[in-house]
PDB file of N, CA and C in Angstrom:
ATOM      1  N   MET A   1      80.692  91.211  74.334  1.00  0.00           N
ATOM      2  CA  MET A   1      79.393  90.951  73.917  1.00  0.00           C
ATOM      3  C   MET A   1      78.443  91.858  74.753  1.00  0.00           C
ATOM      4  N   THR A   2      77.369  92.331  73.956  1.00  0.00           N
ATOM      5  CA  THR A   2      76.387  93.316  74.635  1.00  0.00           C
ATOM      6  C   THR A   2      75.298  92.426  75.534  1.00  0.00           C
ATOM      7  N   LYS A   3      74.785  93.007  76.499  1.00  0.00           N
ATOM      8  CA  LYS A   3      73.793  92.449  77.228  1.00  0.00           C
ATOM      9  C   LYS A   3      72.628  91.838  76.446  1.00  0.00           C
ATOM     10  N   PRO A   4      72.039  92.598  75.525  1.00  0.00           N
ATOM     11  CA  PRO A   4      70.864  92.082  74.727  1.00  0.00           C
ATOM     12  C   PRO A   4      71.385  90.848  73.911  1.00  0.00           C
ATOM     13  N   MET A   5      72.549  90.727  73.464  1.00  0.00           N
ATOM     14  CA  MET A   5      73.002  89.512  72.879  1.00  0.00           C
ATOM     15  C   MET A   5      73.074  88.264  73.869  1.00  0.00           C
ATOM     16  N   LYS A   6      73.597  88.490  75.020  1.00  0.00           N
ATOM     17  CA  LYS A   6      73.700  87.605  76.192  1.00  0.00           C
ATOM     18  C   LYS A   6      72.290  87.156  76.426  1.00  0.00           C
ATOM     19  N   LEU A   7      71.398  88.043  76.449  1.00  0.00           N
ATOM     20  CA  LEU A   7      69.966  87.663  76.974  1.00  0.00           C
ATOM     21  C   LEU A   7      69.327  86.771  75.826  1.00  0.00           C
ATOM     22  N   GLN A   8      69.597  87.025  74.464  1.00  0.00           N
ATOM     23  CA  GLN A   8      69.016  86.403  73.414  1.00  0.00           C
ATOM     24  C   GLN A   8      69.741  84.974  73.361  1.00  0.00           C
ATOM     25  N   ILE A   9      70.993  84.836  73.657  1.00  0.00           N
ATOM     26  CA  ILE A   9      71.581  83.461  73.821  1.00  0.00           C
ATOM     27  C   ILE A   9      70.947  82.755  74.940  1.00  0.00           C
ATOM     28  N   GLY A  10      70.774  83.304  76.087  1.00  0.00           N
ATOM     29  CA  GLY A  10      70.207  82.694  77.233  1.00  0.00           C
ATOM     30  C   GLY A  10      68.668  82.318  76.898  1.00  0.00           C
ATOM     31  N   ARG A  11      68.008  82.996  76.115  1.00  0.00           N
ATOM     32  CA  ARG A  11      66.589  82.756  75.865  1.00  0.00           C
ATOM     33  C   ARG A  11      66.690  81.550  74.973  1.00  0.00           C
ATOM     34  N   ARG A  12      67.467  81.466  73.940  1.00  0.00           N
ATOM     35  CA  ARG A  12      67.602  80.204  73.094  1.00  0.00           C
ATOM     36  C   ARG A  12      68.082  78.991  73.756  1.00  0.00           C
ATOM     37  N   LEU A  13      68.914  79.200  74.703  1.00  0.00           N
ATOM     38  CA  LEU A  13      69.382  78.068  75.426  1.00  0.00           C
ATOM     39  C   LEU A  13      68.300  77.401  76.423  1.00  0.00           C
ATOM     40  N   ARG A  14      67.501  78.361  77.032  1.00  0.00           N
ATOM     41  CA  ARG A  14      66.432  77.897  77.840  1.00  0.00           C
ATOM     42  C   ARG A  14      65.309  77.316  76.870  1.00  0.00           C
ATOM     43  N   GLU A  15      65.021  77.776  75.660  1.00  0.00           N
ATOM     44  CA  GLU A  15      64.062  77.024  74.949  1.00  0.00           C
ATOM     45  C   GLU A  15      64.569  75.846  74.439  1.00  0.00           C
ATOM     46  N   LYS A  16      65.719  75.667  74.148  1.00  0.00           N
ATOM     47  CA  LYS A  16      66.196  74.255  73.643  1.00  0.00           C
ATOM     48  C   LYS A  16      66.384  73.338  74.805  1.00  0.00           C
ATOM     49  N   ARG A  17      66.765  73.711  76.142  1.00  0.00           N
ATOM     50  CA  ARG A  17      66.797  73.015  77.241  1.00  0.00           C
ATOM     51  C   ARG A  17      65.259  72.404  77.521  1.00  0.00           C
ATOM     52  N   GLU A  18      64.288  73.469  77.464  1.00  0.00           N
ATOM     53  CA  GLU A  18      62.938  72.824  77.957  1.00  0.00           C
ATOM     54  C   GLU A  18      62.470  71.996  76.719  1.00  0.00           C
ATOM     55  N   GLN A  19      62.788  72.249  75.530  1.00  0.00           N
ATOM     56  CA  GLN A  19      62.312  71.411  74.364  1.00  0.00           C
ATOM     57  C   GLN A  19      62.861  69.946  74.542  1.00  0.00           C
ATOM     58  N   ALA A  20      63.938  69.883  75.177  1.00  0.00           N
ATOM     59  CA  ALA A  20      64.555  68.550  75.409  1.00  0.00           C
ATOM     60  C   ALA A  20      64.133  68.012  76.623  1.00  0.00           C
ATOM     61  N   GLY A  21      63.290  68.677  77.332  1.00  0.00           N
ATOM     62  CA  GLY A  21      62.752  68.071  78.630  1.00  0.00           C
ATOM     63  C   GLY A  21      63.694  68.051  79.850  1.00  0.00           C
ATOM     64  N   TYR A  22      64.713  68.901  79.900  1.00  0.00           N
ATOM     65  CA  TYR A  22      65.842  68.992  80.843  1.00  0.00           C
ATOM     66  C   TYR A  22      65.539  70.002  81.917  1.00  0.00           C
ATOM     67  N   THR A  23      65.678  69.782  83.130  1.00  0.00           N
ATOM     68  CA  THR A  23      65.719  70.819  84.060  1.00  0.00           C
ATOM     69  C   THR A  23      67.151  71.441  84.097  1.00  0.00           C
ATOM     70  N   ARG A  24      67.223  72.424  84.926  1.00  0.00           N
ATOM     71  CA  ARG A  24      68.827  72.996  84.887  1.00  0.00           C
ATOM     72  C   ARG A  24      69.627  71.985  85.469  1.00  0.00           C
ATOM     73  N   GLU A  25      69.007  71.265  86.499  1.00  0.00           N
ATOM     74  CA  GLU A  25      69.904  70.332  87.199  1.00  0.00           C
ATOM     75  C   GLU A  25      70.207  69.196  86.341  1.00  0.00           C
ATOM     76  N   LYS A  26      69.477  68.686  85.590  1.00  0.00           N
ATOM     77  CA  LYS A  26      69.769  67.578  84.535  1.00  0.00           C
ATOM     78  C   LYS A  26      70.683  68.100  83.327  1.00  0.00           C
ATOM     79  N   MET A  27      70.513  69.285  82.968  1.00  0.00           N
ATOM     80  CA  MET A  27      71.218  69.768  82.042  1.00  0.00           C
ATOM     81  C   MET A  27      72.713  69.937  82.503  1.00  0.00           C
ATOM     82  N   SER A  28      72.968  70.438  83.710  1.00  0.00           N
ATOM     83  CA  SER A  28      74.048  70.593  84.344  1.00  0.00           C
ATOM     84  C   SER A  28      74.883  69.323  84.546  1.00  0.00           C
ATOM     85  N   GLU A  29      74.105  68.299  84.907  1.00  0.00           N
ATOM     86  CA  GLU A  29      74.690  66.966  85.071  1.00  0.00           C
ATOM     87  C   GLU A  29      75.202  66.562  83.545  1.00  0.00           C
ATOM     88  N   LEU A  30      74.402  66.580  82.679  1.00  0.00           N
ATOM     89  CA  LEU A  30      74.757  66.143  81.340  1.00  0.00           C
ATOM     90  C   LEU A  30      76.008  66.951  80.599  1.00  0.00           C
ATOM     91  N   CYS A  31      76.054  68.152  81.120  1.00  0.00           N
ATOM     92  CA  CYS A  31      77.169  69.086  80.464  1.00  0.00           C
ATOM     93  C   CYS A  31      78.406  69.235  81.328  1.00  0.00           C
ATOM     94  N   SER A  32      78.367  68.681  82.588  1.00  0.00           N
ATOM     95  CA  SER A  32      79.334  68.862  83.595  1.00  0.00           C
ATOM     96  C   SER A  32      79.601  70.406  83.868  1.00  0.00           C
ATOM     97  N   LEU A  33      78.396  71.070  83.915  1.00  0.00           N
ATOM     98  CA  LEU A  33      78.472  72.572  84.459  1.00  0.00           C
ATOM     99  C   LEU A  33      77.448  72.664  85.615  1.00  0.00           C
ATOM    100  N   SER A  34      77.713  73.701  86.362  1.00  0.00           N
ATOM    101  CA  SER A  34      76.908  73.797  87.597  1.00  0.00           C
ATOM    102  C   SER A  34      75.504  74.447  87.136  1.00  0.00           C
ATOM    103  N   PRO A  35      74.479  74.089  87.984  1.00  0.00           N
ATOM    104  CA  PRO A  35      73.040  74.568  87.663  1.00  0.00           C
ATOM    105  C   PRO A  35      73.038  76.103  87.604  1.00  0.00           C
ATOM    106  N   ARG A  36      73.730  76.600  88.589  1.00  0.00           N
ATOM    107  CA  ARG A  36      73.958  78.057  88.614  1.00  0.00           C
ATOM    108  C   ARG A  36      74.588  78.850  87.348  1.00  0.00           C
ATOM    109  N   PHE A  37      75.509  77.976  86.911  1.00  0.00           N
ATOM    110  CA  PHE A  37      76.062  78.664  85.492  1.00  0.00           C
ATOM    111  C   PHE A  37      75.008  78.498  84.526  1.00  0.00           C
ATOM    112  N   ILE A  38      74.269  77.500  84.437  1.00  0.00           N
ATOM    113  CA  ILE A  38      73.229  77.256  83.371  1.00  0.00           C
ATOM    114  C   ILE A  38      72.334  78.448  83.655  1.00  0.00           C
ATOM    115  N   ALA A  39      71.917  78.710  84.787  1.00  0.00           N
ATOM    116  CA  ALA A  39      70.860  79.775  85.110  1.00  0.00           C
ATOM    117  C   ALA A  39      71.484  81.176  84.727  1.00  0.00           C
ATOM    118  N   ASN A  40      72.778  81.449  84.973  1.00  0.00           N
ATOM    119  CA  ASN A  40      73.458  82.693  84.691  1.00  0.00           C
ATOM    120  C   ASN A  40      73.496  83.018  83.217  1.00  0.00           C
ATOM    121  N   VAL A  41      73.791  81.859  82.404  1.00  0.00           N
ATOM    122  CA  VAL A  41      73.745  81.963  80.960  1.00  0.00           C
ATOM    123  C   VAL A  41      72.301  82.297  80.485  1.00  0.00           C
ATOM    124  N   GLU A  42      71.183  81.465  80.931  1.00  0.00           N
ATOM    125  CA  GLU A  42      69.983  81.812  80.607  1.00  0.00           C
ATOM    126  C   GLU A  42      69.390  83.368  81.019  1.00  0.00           C
ATOM    127  N   LEU A  43      70.035  83.860  82.156  1.00  0.00           N
ATOM    128  CA  LEU A  43      69.615  85.127  82.429  1.00  0.00           C
ATOM    129  C   LEU A  43      70.503  86.197  81.836  1.00  0.00           C
ATOM    130  N   GLY A  44      71.526  85.850  80.960  1.00  0.00           N
ATOM    131  CA  GLY A  44      72.275  86.773  80.374  1.00  0.00           C
ATOM    132  C   GLY A  44      73.410  87.402  81.104  1.00  0.00           C
ATOM    133  N   ASP A  45      73.646  86.672  82.325  1.00  0.00           N
ATOM    134  CA  ASP A  45      74.798  87.094  83.093  1.00  0.00           C
ATOM    135  C   ASP A  45      76.097  86.554  83.003  1.00  0.00           C
ATOM    136  N   ALA A  46      76.178  85.578  82.161  1.00  0.00           N
ATOM    137  CA  ALA A  46      77.535  84.649  81.789  1.00  0.00           C
ATOM    138  C   ALA A  46      77.275  84.295  80.313  1.00  0.00           C
ATOM    139  N   THR A  47      78.455  83.811  79.794  1.00  0.00           N
ATOM    140  CA  THR A  47      78.582  83.377  78.547  1.00  0.00           C
ATOM    141  C   THR A  47      79.384  82.050  78.630  1.00  0.00           C
ATOM    142  N   PHE A  48      79.465  81.362  77.530  1.00  0.00           N
ATOM    143  CA  PHE A  48      80.150  79.936  77.313  1.00  0.00           C
ATOM    144  C   PHE A  48      81.479  80.183  77.085  1.00  0.00           C
ATOM    145  N   SER A  49      82.367  79.261  77.502  1.00  0.00           N
ATOM    146  CA  SER A  49      83.721  79.069  77.008  1.00  0.00           C
ATOM    147  C   SER A  49      83.248  78.212  75.627  1.00  0.00           C
ATOM    148  N   LEU A  50      84.271  78.136  74.742  1.00  0.00           N
ATOM    149  CA  LEU A  50      84.212  77.289  73.649  1.00  0.00           C
ATOM    150  C   LEU A  50      83.779  75.789  73.972  1.00  0.00           C
ATOM    151  N   ASP A  51      84.605  75.349  74.991  1.00  0.00           N
ATOM    152  CA  ASP A  51      84.426  73.970  75.411  1.00  0.00           C
ATOM    153  C   ASP A  51      82.898  73.681  75.759  1.00  0.00           C
ATOM    154  N   SER A  52      82.566  74.748  76.698  1.00  0.00           N
ATOM    155  CA  SER A  52      81.247  74.563  77.265  1.00  0.00           C
ATOM    156  C   SER A  52      80.189  74.475  76.085  1.00  0.00           C
ATOM    157  N   LEU A  53      80.410  75.405  75.206  1.00  0.00           N
ATOM    158  CA  LEU A  53      79.387  75.557  73.963  1.00  0.00           C
ATOM    159  C   LEU A  53      79.385  74.361  73.314  1.00  0.00           C
ATOM    160  N   ILE A  54      80.450  73.645  73.101  1.00  0.00           N
ATOM    161  CA  ILE A  54      80.353  72.394  72.229  1.00  0.00           C
ATOM    162  C   ILE A  54      79.776  71.384  72.991  1.00  0.00           C
ATOM    163  N   VAL A  55      80.070  71.222  74.110  1.00  0.00           N
ATOM    164  CA  VAL A  55      79.272  70.194  75.131  1.00  0.00           C
ATOM    165  C   VAL A  55      77.655  70.408  74.965  1.00  0.00           C
ATOM    166  N   VAL A  56      77.350  71.826  75.244  1.00  0.00           N
ATOM    167  CA  VAL A  56      75.761  72.009  75.332  1.00  0.00           C
ATOM    168  C   VAL A  56      75.083  71.781  74.006  1.00  0.00           C
ATOM    169  N   CYS A  57      75.881  72.129  72.839  1.00  0.00           N
ATOM    170  CA  CYS A  57      75.389  71.798  71.616  1.00  0.00           C
ATOM    171  C   CYS A  57      75.168  70.381  71.327  1.00  0.00           C
ATOM    172  N   GLN A  58      76.026  69.606  71.810  1.00  0.00           N
ATOM    173  CA  GLN A  58      76.020  68.140  71.592  1.00  0.00           C
ATOM    174  C   GLN A  58      74.804  67.495  72.542  1.00  0.00           C
ATOM    175  N   VAL A  59      74.751  68.060  73.704  1.00  0.00           N
ATOM    176  CA  VAL A  59      73.716  67.515  74.605  1.00  0.00           C
ATOM    177  C   VAL A  59      72.468  67.986  74.152  1.00  0.00           C
ATOM    178  N   LEU A  60      72.165  69.233  73.567  1.00  0.00           N
ATOM    179  CA  LEU A  60      70.945  69.642  73.110  1.00  0.00           C
ATOM    180  C   LEU A  60      70.591  69.301  71.539  1.00  0.00           C
ATOM    181  N   SER A  61      71.590  68.687  70.938  1.00  0.00           N
ATOM    182  CA  SER A  61      71.613  68.401  69.671  1.00  0.00           C
ATOM    183  C   SER A  61      71.140  69.598  68.605  1.00  0.00           C
ATOM    184  N   CYS A  62      71.679  70.764  68.960  1.00  0.00           N
ATOM    185  CA  CYS A  62      71.546  71.994  68.098  1.00  0.00           C
ATOM    186  C   CYS A  62      72.875  72.456  67.791  1.00  0.00           C
ATOM    187  N   SER A  63      72.900  73.372  66.818  1.00  0.00           N
ATOM    188  CA  SER A  63      74.110  74.112  66.260  1.00  0.00           C
ATOM    189  C   SER A  63      74.364  75.265  67.156  1.00  0.00           C
ATOM    190  N   SER A  64      75.707  75.596  67.227  1.00  0.00           N
ATOM    191  CA  SER A  64      76.085  76.763  67.862  1.00  0.00           C
ATOM    192  C   SER A  64      75.721  77.945  67.292  1.00  0.00           C
ATOM    193  N   ASP A  65      75.322  77.900  65.907  1.00  0.00           N
ATOM    194  CA  ASP A  65      74.813  79.090  64.983  1.00  0.00           C
ATOM    195  C   ASP A  65      73.509  79.366  65.738  1.00  0.00           C
ATOM    196  N   TYR A  66      72.620  78.480  65.859  1.00  0.00           N
ATOM    197  CA  TYR A  66      71.395  78.697  66.628  1.00  0.00           C
ATOM    198  C   TYR A  66      71.479  79.247  67.853  1.00  0.00           C
ATOM    199  N   LEU A  67      72.332  78.726  68.920  1.00  0.00           N
ATOM    200  CA  LEU A  67      72.561  79.330  70.200  1.00  0.00           C
ATOM    201  C   LEU A  67      73.035  80.713  70.140  1.00  0.00           C
ATOM    202  N   LEU A  68      74.043  80.851  69.358  1.00  0.00           N
ATOM    203  CA  LEU A  68      74.754  82.269  69.344  1.00  0.00           C
ATOM    204  C   LEU A  68      74.013  83.306  68.464  1.00  0.00           C
ATOM    205  N   PHE A  69      73.607  82.908  67.313  1.00  0.00           N
ATOM    206  CA  PHE A  69      72.904  83.869  66.480  1.00  0.00           C
ATOM    207  C   PHE A  69      71.483  83.820  66.121  1.00  0.00           C
ATOM    208  N   GLY A  70      70.899  82.840  66.570  1.00  0.00           N
ATOM    209  CA  GLY A  70      69.365  82.528  66.435  1.00  0.00           C
ATOM    210  C   GLY A  70      69.035  82.091  64.990  1.00  0.00           C
ATOM    211  N   ASP A  71      70.049  81.340  64.293  1.00  0.00           N
ATOM    212  CA  ASP A  71      69.838  80.651  63.214  1.00  0.00           C
ATOM    213  C   ASP A  71      68.593  79.970  63.175  1.00  0.00           C
ATOM    214  N   ARG A  72      67.696  80.142  62.340  1.00  0.00           N
ATOM    215  CA  ARG A  72      66.344  79.453  62.538  1.00  0.00           C
ATOM    216  C   ARG A  72      66.237  78.123  61.758  1.00  0.00           C
ATOM    217  N   ILE A  73      67.385  77.525  61.245  1.00  0.00           N
ATOM    218  CA  ILE A  73      67.211  76.399  60.410  1.00  0.00           C
ATOM    219  C   ILE A  73      67.134  75.339  61.550  1.00  0.00           C
ATOM    220  N   ASP A  74      66.115  74.499  61.523  1.00  0.00           N
ATOM    221  CA  ASP A  74      65.815  73.302  62.360  1.00  0.00           C
ATOM    222  C   ASP A  74      66.747  72.189  61.894  1.00  0.00           C
ATOM    223  N   GLN A  75      67.672  72.048  62.340  1.00  0.00           N
ATOM    224  CA  GLN A  75      68.550  70.728  61.730  1.00  0.00           C
ATOM    225  C   GLN A  75      67.917  69.360  62.178  1.00  0.00           C
ATOM    226  N   GLY A  76      67.115  69.374  63.096  1.00  0.00           N
ATOM    227  CA  GLY A  76      66.497  68.303  63.499  1.00  0.00           C
ATOM    228  C   GLY A  76      65.415  67.770  62.376  1.00  0.00           C
ATOM    229  N   ALA A  77      64.925  68.752  61.609  1.00  0.00           N
ATOM    230  CA  ALA A  77      63.975  68.550  60.376  1.00  0.00           C
ATOM    231  C   ALA A  77      64.520  67.845  59.354  1.00  0.00           C
ATOM    232  N   TRP A  78      65.983  67.976  59.143  1.00  0.00           N
ATOM    233  CA  TRP A  78      66.741  67.543  58.099  1.00  0.00           C
ATOM    234  C   TRP A  78      67.578  66.222  58.412  1.00  0.00           C
ATOM    235  N   THR A  79      67.407  65.741  59.659  1.00  0.00           N
ATOM    236  CA  THR A  79      68.021  64.596  59.967  1.00  0.00           C
ATOM    237  C   THR A  79      67.817  63.435  59.226  1.00  0.00           C
ATOM    238  N   ASP A  80      66.475  63.057  59.100  1.00  0.00           N
ATOM    239  CA  ASP A  80      66.085  61.997  58.179  1.00  0.00           C
ATOM    240  C   ASP A  80      66.756  62.045  56.606  1.00  0.00           C
ATOM    241  N   THR A  81      66.597  63.314  56.186  1.00  0.00           N
ATOM    242  CA  THR A  81      66.977  63.529  54.767  1.00  0.00           C
ATOM    243  C   THR A  81      68.494  63.383  54.713  1.00  0.00           C
ATOM    244  N   ILE A  82      69.180  63.967  55.607  1.00  0.00           N
ATOM    245  CA  ILE A  82      70.665  63.833  55.572  1.00  0.00           C
ATOM    246  C   ILE A  82      71.000  62.462  55.776  1.00  0.00           C
ATOM    247  N   ALA A  83      70.414  61.680  56.513  1.00  0.00           N
ATOM    248  CA  ALA A  83      70.816  60.162  56.750  1.00  0.00           C
ATOM    249  C   ALA A  83      70.489  59.332  55.360  1.00  0.00           C
ATOM    250  N   GLN A  84      69.357  59.803  54.681  1.00  0.00           N
ATOM    251  CA  GLN A  84      69.060  59.028  53.430  1.00  0.00           C
ATOM    252  C   GLN A  84      70.217  59.522  52.371  1.00  0.00           C
ATOM    253  N   LEU A  85      70.564  60.744  52.359  1.00  0.00           N
ATOM    254  CA  LEU A  85      71.557  61.106  51.378  1.00  0.00           C
ATOM    255  C   LEU A  85      72.883  60.386  51.587  1.00  0.00           C
ATOM    256  N   GLN A  86      73.140  60.207  52.841  1.00  0.00           N
ATOM    257  CA  GLN A  86      74.435  59.534  53.267  1.00  0.00           C
ATOM    258  C   GLN A  86      74.415  58.192  52.821  1.00  0.00           C
ATOM    259  N   GLN A  87      73.430  57.703  52.481  1.00  0.00           N
ATOM    260  CA  GLN A  87      73.207  56.203  52.067  1.00  0.00           C
ATOM    261  C   GLN A  87      73.162  56.087  50.661  1.00  0.00           C
ATOM    262  N   VAL A  88      73.110  57.174  49.795  1.00  0.00           N
ATOM    263  CA  VAL A  88      73.304  56.935  48.325  1.00  0.00           C
ATOM    264  C   VAL A  88      74.339  56.448  47.820  1.00  0.00           C
ATOM    265  N   ASP A  89      74.369  55.608  47.022  1.00  0.00           N
ATOM    266  CA  ASP A  89      75.413  54.976  46.350  1.00  0.00           C
ATOM    267  C   ASP A  89      76.356  56.026  45.651  1.00  0.00           C
ATOM    268  N   ILE A  90      77.626  55.896  45.808  1.00  0.00           N
ATOM    269  CA  ILE A  90      78.631  57.082  45.321  1.00  0.00           C
ATOM    270  C   ILE A  90      78.076  57.378  43.786  1.00  0.00           C
ATOM    271  N   LYS A  91      77.758  56.324  43.043  1.00  0.00           N
ATOM    272  CA  LYS A  91      77.590  56.565  41.684  1.00  0.00           C
ATOM    273  C   LYS A  91      76.309  57.416  41.318  1.00  0.00           C
ATOM    274  N   TYR A  92      75.603  57.615  42.274  1.00  0.00           N
ATOM    275  CA  TYR A  92      74.251  58.444  42.252  1.00  0.00           C
ATOM    276  C   TYR A  92      74.393  59.791  42.918  1.00  0.00           C
ATOM    277  N   GLN A  93      75.565  60.133  43.422  1.00  0.00           N
ATOM    278  CA  GLN A  93      75.645  61.351  44.310  1.00  0.00           C
ATOM    279  C   GLN A  93      75.670  62.533  43.378  1.00  0.00           C
ATOM    280  N   ALA A  94      76.352  62.415  42.256  1.00  0.00           N
ATOM    281  CA  ALA A  94      76.294  63.675  41.391  1.00  0.00           C
ATOM    282  C   ALA A  94      75.066  63.826  40.798  1.00  0.00           C
ATOM    283  N   PRO A  95      74.226  62.827  40.239  1.00  0.00           N
ATOM    284  CA  PRO A  95      72.943  63.252  39.766  1.00  0.00           C
ATOM    285  C   PRO A  95      71.961  63.684  40.922  1.00  0.00           C
ATOM    286  N   VAL A  96      71.991  63.063  42.018  1.00  0.00           N
ATOM    287  CA  VAL A  96      70.993  63.446  43.152  1.00  0.00           C
ATOM    288  C   VAL A  96      71.413  64.993  43.496  1.00  0.00           C
ATOM    289  N   ASN A  97      72.700  65.254  43.525  1.00  0.00           N
ATOM    290  CA  ASN A  97      73.094  66.666  43.944  1.00  0.00           C
ATOM    291  C   ASN A  97      72.567  67.653  42.896  1.00  0.00           C
ATOM    292  N   LYS A  98      72.701  67.347  41.597  1.00  0.00           N
ATOM    293  CA  LYS A  98      72.303  68.222  40.513  1.00  0.00           C
ATOM    294  C   LYS A  98      70.810  68.405  40.806  1.00  0.00           C
ATOM    295  N   ILE A  99      70.099  67.298  40.879  1.00  0.00           N
ATOM    296  CA  ILE A  99      68.535  67.536  41.101  1.00  0.00           C
ATOM    297  C   ILE A  99      68.185  68.396  42.442  1.00  0.00           C
ATOM    298  N   LEU A 100      68.887  68.058  43.365  1.00  0.00           N
ATOM    299  CA  LEU A 100      68.604  68.901  44.684  1.00  0.00           C
ATOM    300  C   LEU A 100      68.889  70.400  44.353  1.00  0.00           C
ATOM    301  N   GLN A 101      70.008  70.651  43.613  1.00  0.00           N
ATOM    302  CA  GLN A 101      70.527  72.059  43.309  1.00  0.00           C
ATOM    303  C   GLN A 101      69.485  72.801  42.441  1.00  0.00           C
ATOM    304  N   GLY A 102      68.830  71.970  41.500  1.00  0.00           N
ATOM    305  CA  GLY A 102      67.871  72.550  40.622  1.00  0.00           C
ATOM    306  C   GLY A 102      66.565  72.788  41.551  1.00  0.00           C
ATOM    307  N   LEU A 103      66.255  71.954  42.433  1.00  0.00           N
ATOM    308  CA  LEU A 103      65.084  72.060  43.168  1.00  0.00           C
ATOM    309  C   LEU A 103      65.346  73.366  44.010  1.00  0.00           C
ATOM    310  N   PHE A 104      66.294  73.525  44.672  1.00  0.00           N
ATOM    311  CA  PHE A 104      66.781  74.750  45.658  1.00  0.00           C
ATOM    312  C   PHE A 104      66.576  76.025  44.633  1.00  0.00           C
ATOM    313  N   GLU A 105      67.181  76.081  43.554  1.00  0.00           N
ATOM    314  CA  GLU A 105      67.285  77.038  42.666  1.00  0.00           C
ATOM    315  C   GLU A 105      65.694  77.486  42.257  1.00  0.00           C
ATOM    316  N   ALA A 106      64.884  76.436  41.925  1.00  0.00           N
ATOM    317  CA  ALA A 106      63.473  76.649  41.648  1.00  0.00           C
ATOM    318  C   ALA A 106      62.695  77.404  42.823  1.00  0.00           C
ATOM    319  N   ILE A 107      63.050  76.815  43.853  1.00  0.00           N
ATOM    320  CA  ILE A 107      62.294  77.418  45.185  1.00  0.00           C
ATOM    321  C   ILE A 107      62.661  78.820  45.438  1.00  0.00           C
ATOM    322  N   ILE A 108      64.152  79.085  45.302  1.00  0.00           N
ATOM    323  CA  ILE A 108      64.521  80.485  45.549  1.00  0.00           C
ATOM    324  C   ILE A 108      63.923  81.363  44.567  1.00  0.00           C
ATOM    325  N   THR A 109      63.906  81.006  43.250  1.00  0.00           N
ATOM    326  CA  THR A 109      63.442  81.784  42.292  1.00  0.00           C
ATOM    327  C   THR A 109      61.857  82.176  42.235  1.00  0.00           C
ATOM    328  N   SER A 110      61.132  80.941  42.789  1.00  0.00           N
ATOM    329  CA  SER A 110      59.717  81.203  43.012  1.00  0.00           C
ATOM    330  C   SER A 110      59.305  82.165  44.039  1.00  0.00           C
ATOM    331  N   GLU A 111      60.350  82.373  44.983  1.00  0.00           N
ATOM    332  CA  GLU A 111      60.118  83.206  46.088  1.00  0.00           C
ATOM    333  C   GLU A 111      60.474  84.696  45.989  1.00  0.00           C
ATOM    334  N   ARG A 112      60.985  85.015  44.705  1.00  0.00           N
ATOM    335  CA  ARG A 112      61.426  86.399  44.339  1.00  0.00           C
ATOM    336  C   ARG A 112      60.201  87.222  43.962  1.00  0.00           C
TER     337      ARG A 112
END
């Protein structure tokens, strides 16, 4: 992994940590990682193991796609919508899915 990629991952980690209101010390407690390791990742001097990445994403409620690649989808914005969709009675799931697919298609078409 290149240094610029590590720096971007570190920047995104710091951004999510600060948004969550965690100090490096608090984050390290929650993730069972050292504060120095958190700092090293944020500075682009270290990278996560897969196990550490999973824990960090769980603690920060973010996707690994976001931390690793900068995927700008804010999954938090969809939390309520996903929860509502999960409550839809099974007999309505196909029609709701069809409506949503039509809506997505209309949005994508209108942006071209």
